[in-house]
Amino acid sequence: MPRPSPLQLLRRALGRVRPAPKAAPRPAPTPPSPYVPARPEAWCLGEGAFHPRYAAALAAGPEALAALAEPVGPGLWALPVLSEPFCAALRAEVSRKQAWAAREGVELDAPNSMNRYGLILDSQTGDEAPTTLIDLTPLREALLPFAARLFPEHGGEHLDQHHGFVVTYTLGGDRDLAFHADDAEVTLNLCLGGGFEGGELYFEGPRCLAHHDTPTHAEERAAWAHRPGVALLHAGANRHGALPLTAGRRDNLILWMRAGGLRAAGDARTGLEGCVGWWGLHHTGRLRGAPAPQLNHRRRPGSATTSPTASTHRALFWSITRKRLRQRRAAPPRHSSSA
């Protein structure tokens, strides 16, 4: 009888049902020591958390808040929200909690399906059990009239859920973020500061889910250089990405605001169900070689984490734009933090 070939042996082995190997007995794990904050005030949006100009606008009403916002691109609005001392305290606490988790062997949930490093602060989406380290509901509710005015096409007046988290970028971890859209109707992106270079955001226009990968038009492109304490508001469907970090560490507070009622009803304003006319500027085809953006959502077990490589035309455009972003970031802020 001829001796079976290695390939035949491999096929037999693969086609054979085998019992799962028994796991080696493990000693009972030692419970981790509890996390003790060094700065408890960083875990509460108290009086000192907000930028003075933002606090004054909140007291004055929605009109004052709208007047505080600065248009910085098509569909992009910037406004000072958190004070720099609070940003520094929260950034220090996030770093301290990450170090505690590494020391105690505690696995922190990734903030979303694309960022590996960060910390979930407050998740009130109805999808899973709520997670709350800082109650961000007052921040969402304060921005509701503003979002209703700026993002009516996205259901900005119906924002009743949120997923808030901090993302951390370092040279040894996540350095950039691929071209994507957020799983949110409206997104707040706020830099907590730190010494870093690079990491600017680029935007290439909103699309519904059905037309996620259509070409970008020149009038849709915009860029944003981070400013500590200043929040950038944009539609979650506005496709964007983050350029590579070149030095230091960058921590950003992200608040995804969702219209849970509209989503449950299958409303087209969410961009998840069908296509509505105002999403125009899309074509039926995709630029040859241009990757489709990912949908960045809250990470669940087994979710994908791969990032497509940026296309040649996008990389060239943003390499040219980057010099202007550095100059803008080095310039003094438009609004004084002491105002």
Protein backbone atom coordinates (compact mmCIF):
# COMPACT_ATOMS: atom_id res chain seq x y z
CA MET A 1 0.00 0.00 0.00
CA PRO A 2 1.52 3.35 -1.02
CA ARG A 3 2.52 5.66 1.74
CA PRO A 4 0.19 8.71 2.02
CA SER A 5 1.70 11.98 0.89
CA PRO A 6 2.17 14.88 3.32
CA LEU A 7 -0.74 16.68 1.62
CA GLN A 8 -3.03 13.67 2.18
CA LEU A 9 -1.99 13.49 5.82
CA LEU A 10 -2.75 17.19 6.23
CA ARG A 11 -6.20 16.80 4.67
CA ARG A 12 -6.99 13.88 6.99
CA ALA A 13 -5.89 15.87 10.02
CA LEU A 14 -7.96 18.90 9.05
CA GLY A 15 -11.03 16.78 8.41
CA ARG A 16 -10.85 15.04 11.76
CA VAL A 17 -12.93 16.18 14.71
CA ARG A 18 -10.81 16.44 17.81
CA PRO A 19 -11.67 17.25 21.39
CA ALA A 20 -10.63 20.64 22.62
CA PRO A 21 -7.37 20.52 24.54
CA LYS A 22 -7.79 20.76 28.27
CA ALA A 23 -6.69 24.04 29.72
CA ALA A 24 -3.91 23.85 32.26
CA PRO A 25 -5.14 24.57 35.78
CA ARG A 26 -4.59 28.18 36.76
CA PRO A 27 -4.25 29.61 40.22
CA ALA A 28 -7.12 31.76 41.40
CA PRO A 29 -6.52 35.33 40.19
CA THR A 30 -5.70 37.95 42.76
CA PRO A 31 -8.37 40.68 42.75
CA PRO A 32 -6.93 43.97 41.50
CA SER A 33 -6.53 46.78 43.95
CA PRO A 34 -9.16 49.49 43.46
CA TYR A 35 -8.27 52.53 41.43
CA VAL A 36 -7.80 55.62 43.62
CA PRO A 37 -7.98 58.92 41.70
CA ALA A 38 -5.26 61.44 42.39
CA ARG A 39 -7.54 64.27 41.25
CA PRO A 40 -11.19 63.35 41.93
CA GLU A 41 -12.38 66.67 40.49
CA ALA A 42 -11.39 65.41 37.03
CA TRP A 43 -14.20 62.85 37.13
CA CYS A 44 -17.01 65.39 37.40
CA LEU A 45 -18.13 68.23 35.13
CA GLY A 46 -18.18 70.72 37.99
CA GLU A 47 -18.02 74.50 37.93
CA GLY A 48 -14.33 74.64 37.06
CA ALA A 49 -14.62 72.16 34.20
CA PHE A 50 -16.01 74.54 31.60
CA HIS A 51 -14.24 77.29 29.73
CA PRO A 52 -15.33 80.69 31.14
CA ARG A 53 -16.72 81.84 27.80
CA TYR A 54 -18.66 78.59 27.36
CA ALA A 55 -20.08 78.82 30.89
CA ALA A 56 -21.18 82.41 30.26
CA ALA A 57 -22.83 81.42 26.98
CA LEU A 58 -24.70 78.57 28.66
CA ALA A 59 -26.05 80.98 31.26
CA ALA A 60 -27.10 83.45 28.56
CA GLY A 61 -28.96 80.93 26.40
CA PRO A 62 -28.79 79.16 23.02
CA GLU A 63 -28.29 82.39 21.05
CA ALA A 64 -25.12 83.19 22.99
CA LEU A 65 -23.84 79.64 22.50
CA ALA A 66 -24.43 79.90 18.75
CA ALA A 67 -22.59 83.24 18.68
CA LEU A 68 -19.62 81.64 20.46
CA ALA A 69 -19.15 79.01 17.75
CA GLU A 70 -16.66 79.69 14.98
CA PRO A 71 -17.17 78.17 11.51
CA VAL A 72 -13.88 76.56 10.50
CA GLY A 73 -14.91 74.63 7.41
CA PRO A 74 -17.95 73.26 5.58
CA GLY A 75 -20.09 71.70 8.29
CA LEU A 76 -17.40 72.24 10.96
CA TRP A 77 -17.82 74.43 14.04
CA ALA A 78 -15.33 75.14 16.82
CA LEU A 79 -16.04 76.50 20.27
CA PRO A 80 -14.20 76.55 23.61
CA VAL A 81 -15.90 74.06 25.92
CA LEU A 82 -13.55 72.84 28.67
CA SER A 83 -11.04 74.84 30.68
CA GLU A 84 -7.38 74.03 30.17
CA PRO A 85 -6.85 73.17 33.89
CA PHE A 86 -9.70 70.64 33.71
CA CYS A 87 -8.31 69.22 30.45
CA ALA A 88 -4.91 68.77 32.09
CA ALA A 89 -6.47 67.09 35.13
CA LEU A 90 -8.55 64.69 33.04
CA ARG A 91 -5.60 63.88 30.80
CA ALA A 92 -3.48 63.07 33.86
CA GLU A 93 -6.24 60.88 35.33
CA VAL A 94 -6.70 58.95 32.08
CA SER A 95 -2.96 58.29 31.91
CA ARG A 96 -2.93 57.27 35.58
CA LYS A 97 -5.88 54.88 35.12
CA GLN A 98 -4.24 53.31 32.07
CA ALA A 99 -1.05 52.76 34.07
CA TRP A 100 -3.10 51.24 36.93
CA ALA A 101 -4.85 48.85 34.51
CA ALA A 102 -1.52 47.72 33.05
CA ARG A 103 -0.05 47.20 36.51
CA GLU A 104 -3.05 45.30 37.89
CA GLY A 105 -3.74 43.25 34.76
CA VAL A 106 -7.12 44.88 34.17
CA GLU A 107 -8.26 44.92 30.55
CA LEU A 108 -9.87 48.23 29.62
CA ASP A 109 -12.51 48.17 26.89
CA ALA A 110 -11.35 49.78 23.66
CA PRO A 111 -13.29 52.99 23.04
CA ASN A 112 -14.48 52.01 19.55
CA SER A 113 -13.85 49.62 16.68
CA MET A 114 -10.84 51.50 15.28
CA ASN A 115 -8.99 52.99 18.27
CA ARG A 116 -7.14 50.46 20.41
CA TYR A 117 -6.04 52.82 23.17
CA GLY A 118 -8.20 55.07 25.28
CA LEU A 119 -10.91 54.94 27.91
CA ILE A 120 -14.72 54.83 27.78
CA LEU A 121 -16.07 57.62 29.99
CA ASP A 122 -19.83 57.48 29.55
CA SER A 123 -21.83 55.21 27.24
CA GLN A 124 -25.59 55.73 27.22
CA THR A 125 -26.69 54.19 23.91
CA GLY A 126 -29.21 51.55 24.91
CA ASP A 127 -27.13 48.87 23.16
CA GLU A 128 -25.47 47.50 26.28
CA ALA A 129 -25.29 48.12 30.01
CA PRO A 130 -24.40 51.78 30.61
CA THR A 131 -20.85 52.72 31.51
CA THR A 132 -20.35 55.95 33.44
CA LEU A 133 -17.07 57.30 34.81
CA ILE A 134 -18.08 60.89 34.07
CA ASP A 135 -21.70 61.83 33.44
CA LEU A 136 -21.57 63.56 30.05
CA THR A 137 -25.35 63.94 29.77
CA PRO A 138 -25.26 67.65 30.76
CA LEU A 139 -22.80 68.31 27.93
CA ARG A 140 -25.03 66.62 25.35
CA GLU A 141 -28.15 68.35 26.63
CA ALA A 142 -26.47 71.76 26.62
CA LEU A 143 -25.44 71.28 22.98
CA LEU A 144 -28.87 70.06 21.84
CA PRO A 145 -30.29 73.49 20.78
CA PHE A 146 -27.03 74.25 19.03
CA ALA A 147 -26.98 70.90 17.22
CA ALA A 148 -30.63 71.33 16.24
CA ARG A 149 -29.75 74.60 14.52
CA LEU A 150 -26.56 73.43 12.81
CA PHE A 151 -27.39 69.81 11.92
CA PRO A 152 -31.15 69.58 11.24
CA GLU A 153 -30.52 67.28 8.27
CA HIS A 154 -28.89 64.77 10.61
CA GLY A 155 -31.64 64.90 13.24
CA GLY A 156 -29.67 67.25 15.49
CA GLU A 157 -32.78 68.16 17.47
CA HIS A 158 -33.36 64.51 18.43
CA LEU A 159 -30.05 63.66 20.12
CA ASP A 160 -31.06 61.48 23.06
CA GLN A 161 -28.11 59.06 23.40
CA HIS A 162 -24.34 59.34 23.55
CA HIS A 163 -21.10 57.40 23.69
CA GLY A 164 -18.25 59.38 25.25
CA PHE A 165 -14.62 58.31 25.45
CA VAL A 166 -11.00 59.42 25.37
CA VAL A 167 -8.70 58.26 22.57
CA THR A 168 -4.93 58.15 23.10
CA TYR A 169 -2.37 58.52 20.33
CA THR A 170 1.31 57.74 20.89
CA LEU A 171 4.27 56.79 18.72
CA GLY A 172 4.21 53.27 20.19
CA GLY A 173 0.43 52.79 19.93
CA ASP A 174 -2.18 54.31 17.65
CA ARG A 175 -0.45 57.00 15.60
CA ASP A 176 -3.21 57.91 13.15
CA LEU A 177 -6.76 57.01 12.23
CA ALA A 178 -7.86 55.78 8.83
CA PHE A 179 -10.51 57.42 6.65
CA HIS A 180 -13.90 56.70 8.24
CA ALA A 181 -17.27 57.99 9.43
CA ASP A 182 -18.56 57.94 13.00
CA ASP A 183 -21.48 55.91 14.29
CA ALA A 184 -23.16 59.12 15.43
CA GLU A 185 -25.46 61.81 14.13
CA VAL A 186 -23.29 64.59 15.61
CA THR A 187 -19.73 64.30 16.97
CA LEU A 188 -17.87 66.51 19.43
CA ASN A 189 -14.07 66.14 19.26
CA LEU A 190 -12.10 68.01 21.91
CA CYS A 191 -8.33 67.99 22.39
CA LEU A 192 -7.25 67.58 26.01
CA GLY A 193 -3.81 68.96 25.21
CA GLY A 194 -0.39 67.52 25.91
CA GLY A 195 2.90 68.01 24.13
CA PHE A 196 2.53 66.55 20.66
CA GLU A 197 3.09 67.25 16.99
CA GLY A 198 0.98 66.12 14.05
CA GLY A 199 -2.36 64.38 14.39
CA GLU A 200 -4.36 66.98 12.47
CA LEU A 201 -7.84 66.00 11.28
CA TYR A 202 -8.95 66.08 7.66
CA PHE A 203 -12.54 66.03 6.38
CA GLU A 204 -13.91 65.00 3.00
CA GLY A 205 -17.67 65.55 3.20
CA PRO A 206 -20.73 63.73 4.56
CA ARG A 207 -22.28 60.70 2.90
CA CYS A 208 -25.07 58.29 3.67
CA LEU A 209 -24.09 54.69 4.29
CA ALA A 210 -25.08 53.70 0.76
CA HIS A 211 -22.64 56.22 -0.76
CA HIS A 212 -19.83 55.97 1.77
CA ASP A 213 -17.09 55.43 -0.77
CA THR A 214 -17.93 58.03 -3.43
CA PRO A 215 -15.37 60.66 -4.51
CA THR A 216 -14.61 63.84 -2.60
CA HIS A 217 -15.10 67.27 -4.12
CA ALA A 218 -12.66 70.12 -3.51
CA GLU A 219 -15.31 72.24 -1.76
CA GLU A 220 -15.88 69.48 0.80
CA ARG A 221 -12.29 69.27 2.00
CA ALA A 222 -11.32 70.86 5.29
CA ALA A 223 -8.61 70.48 7.93
CA TRP A 224 -8.40 71.08 11.66
CA ALA A 225 -5.37 71.59 13.92
CA HIS A 226 -6.16 70.70 17.53
CA ARG A 227 -6.41 73.37 20.23
CA PRO A 228 -6.58 72.33 23.91
CA GLY A 229 -10.06 72.78 25.35
CA VAL A 230 -11.60 73.70 21.99
CA ALA A 231 -14.26 71.32 20.66
CA LEU A 232 -14.89 70.63 17.01
CA LEU A 233 -18.51 69.81 16.14
CA HIS A 234 -19.34 67.96 12.94
CA ALA A 235 -21.82 65.49 11.52
CA GLY A 236 -20.85 61.93 12.31
CA ALA A 237 -21.38 61.09 8.64
CA ASN A 238 -18.75 63.64 7.60
CA ARG A 239 -15.95 61.35 6.42
CA HIS A 240 -12.63 62.11 8.07
CA GLY A 241 -9.36 60.77 9.42
CA ALA A 242 -6.37 61.76 11.55
CA LEU A 243 -2.90 62.37 10.16
CA PRO A 244 0.00 60.56 11.84
CA LEU A 245 1.31 61.73 15.18
CA THR A 246 4.98 62.68 14.80
CA ALA A 247 5.94 63.39 18.42
CA GLY A 248 4.53 63.19 21.95
CA ARG A 249 1.13 61.98 23.12
CA ARG A 250 -2.32 63.24 22.14
CA ASP A 251 -5.50 62.63 24.14
CA ASN A 252 -8.88 63.68 22.77
CA LEU A 253 -12.31 63.57 24.37
CA ILE A 254 -14.90 62.35 21.85
CA LEU A 255 -18.65 62.52 22.37
CA TRP A 256 -20.76 60.67 19.82
CA MET A 257 -24.32 62.01 20.04
CA ARG A 258 -27.04 59.84 18.56
CA ALA A 259 -30.73 60.17 17.74
CA GLY A 260 -31.84 56.86 19.18
CA GLY A 261 -35.50 57.43 18.41
CA LEU A 262 -34.81 58.20 14.75
CA ARG A 263 -32.59 55.14 14.45
CA ALA A 264 -35.26 52.89 15.92
CA ALA A 265 -37.78 54.30 13.45
CA GLY A 266 -35.45 53.85 10.48
CA ASP A 267 -35.43 57.59 9.77
CA ALA A 268 -33.35 58.52 6.71
CA ARG A 269 -31.86 61.53 8.50
CA THR A 270 -29.48 59.19 10.30
CA GLY A 271 -27.93 58.26 6.96
CA LEU A 272 -28.19 54.59 7.89
CA GLU A 273 -31.49 53.87 6.13
CA GLY A 274 -31.67 54.86 2.49
CA CYS A 275 -30.40 57.99 0.76
CA VAL A 276 -31.86 61.48 0.99
CA GLY A 277 -31.36 64.25 -1.54
CA TRP A 278 -29.30 66.64 0.53
CA TRP A 279 -26.48 64.04 0.70
CA GLY A 280 -25.76 64.98 -2.95
CA LEU A 281 -22.26 65.52 -4.32
CA HIS A 282 -21.89 61.80 -4.70
CA HIS A 283 -21.43 59.83 -7.88
CA THR A 284 -22.30 56.26 -8.70
CA GLY A 285 -18.67 55.19 -8.91
CA ARG A 286 -15.60 55.38 -6.69
CA LEU A 287 -12.29 56.94 -7.60
CA ARG A 288 -10.01 54.21 -8.88
CA GLY A 289 -7.69 53.15 -6.08
CA ALA A 290 -9.50 55.15 -3.40
CA PRO A 291 -10.34 53.03 -0.33
CA ALA A 292 -13.83 52.97 1.12
CA PRO A 293 -14.10 54.66 4.51
CA GLN A 294 -14.82 52.49 7.50
CA LEU A 295 -17.76 52.96 9.85
CA ASN A 296 -16.24 53.60 13.26
CA HIS A 297 -18.54 52.25 15.97
CA ARG A 298 -18.38 51.07 19.52
CA ARG A 299 -16.17 48.00 19.65
CA ARG A 300 -17.95 44.72 20.21
CA PRO A 301 -16.40 41.24 20.49
CA GLY A 302 -15.05 40.17 17.12
CA SER A 303 -15.33 43.58 15.46
CA ALA A 304 -12.82 44.47 12.78
CA THR A 305 -9.87 46.70 13.54
CA THR A 306 -8.08 46.81 10.19
CA SER A 307 -7.28 50.20 8.65
CA PRO A 308 -7.06 50.73 4.89
CA THR A 309 -4.05 52.48 3.41
CA ALA A 310 -4.74 56.08 2.31
CA SER A 311 -4.97 56.58 -1.41
CA THR A 312 -2.26 58.40 -3.30
CA HIS A 313 -4.35 61.46 -4.11
CA ARG A 314 -5.44 61.86 -0.48
CA ALA A 315 -1.92 61.47 0.90
CA LEU A 316 -0.57 64.04 -1.56
CA PHE A 317 -3.28 66.58 -0.80
CA TRP A 318 -2.86 66.36 2.96
CA SER A 319 0.93 66.43 2.86
CA ILE A 320 0.65 69.80 1.14
CA THR A 321 -2.00 70.98 3.60
CA ARG A 322 -0.01 69.93 6.65
CA LYS A 323 2.42 72.86 6.49
CA ARG A 324 -0.50 75.27 6.69
CA LEU A 325 -1.93 73.33 9.64
CA ARG A 326 1.35 73.57 11.55
CA GLN A 327 1.42 77.31 11.00
CA ARG A 328 -2.16 77.64 12.20
CA ARG A 329 -1.48 75.52 15.29
CA ALA A 330 1.57 77.63 16.20
CA ALA A 331 -0.44 80.86 15.95
CA PRO A 332 -2.02 82.28 19.14
CA PRO A 333 -5.63 81.17 19.71
CA ARG A 334 -8.35 83.43 18.43
CA HIS A 335 -10.11 83.54 21.80
CA SER A 336 -8.10 84.16 24.96
CA SER A 337 -8.60 81.55 27.67
CA SER A 338 -8.75 84.33 30.24
CA ALA A 339 -11.63 86.08 28.49
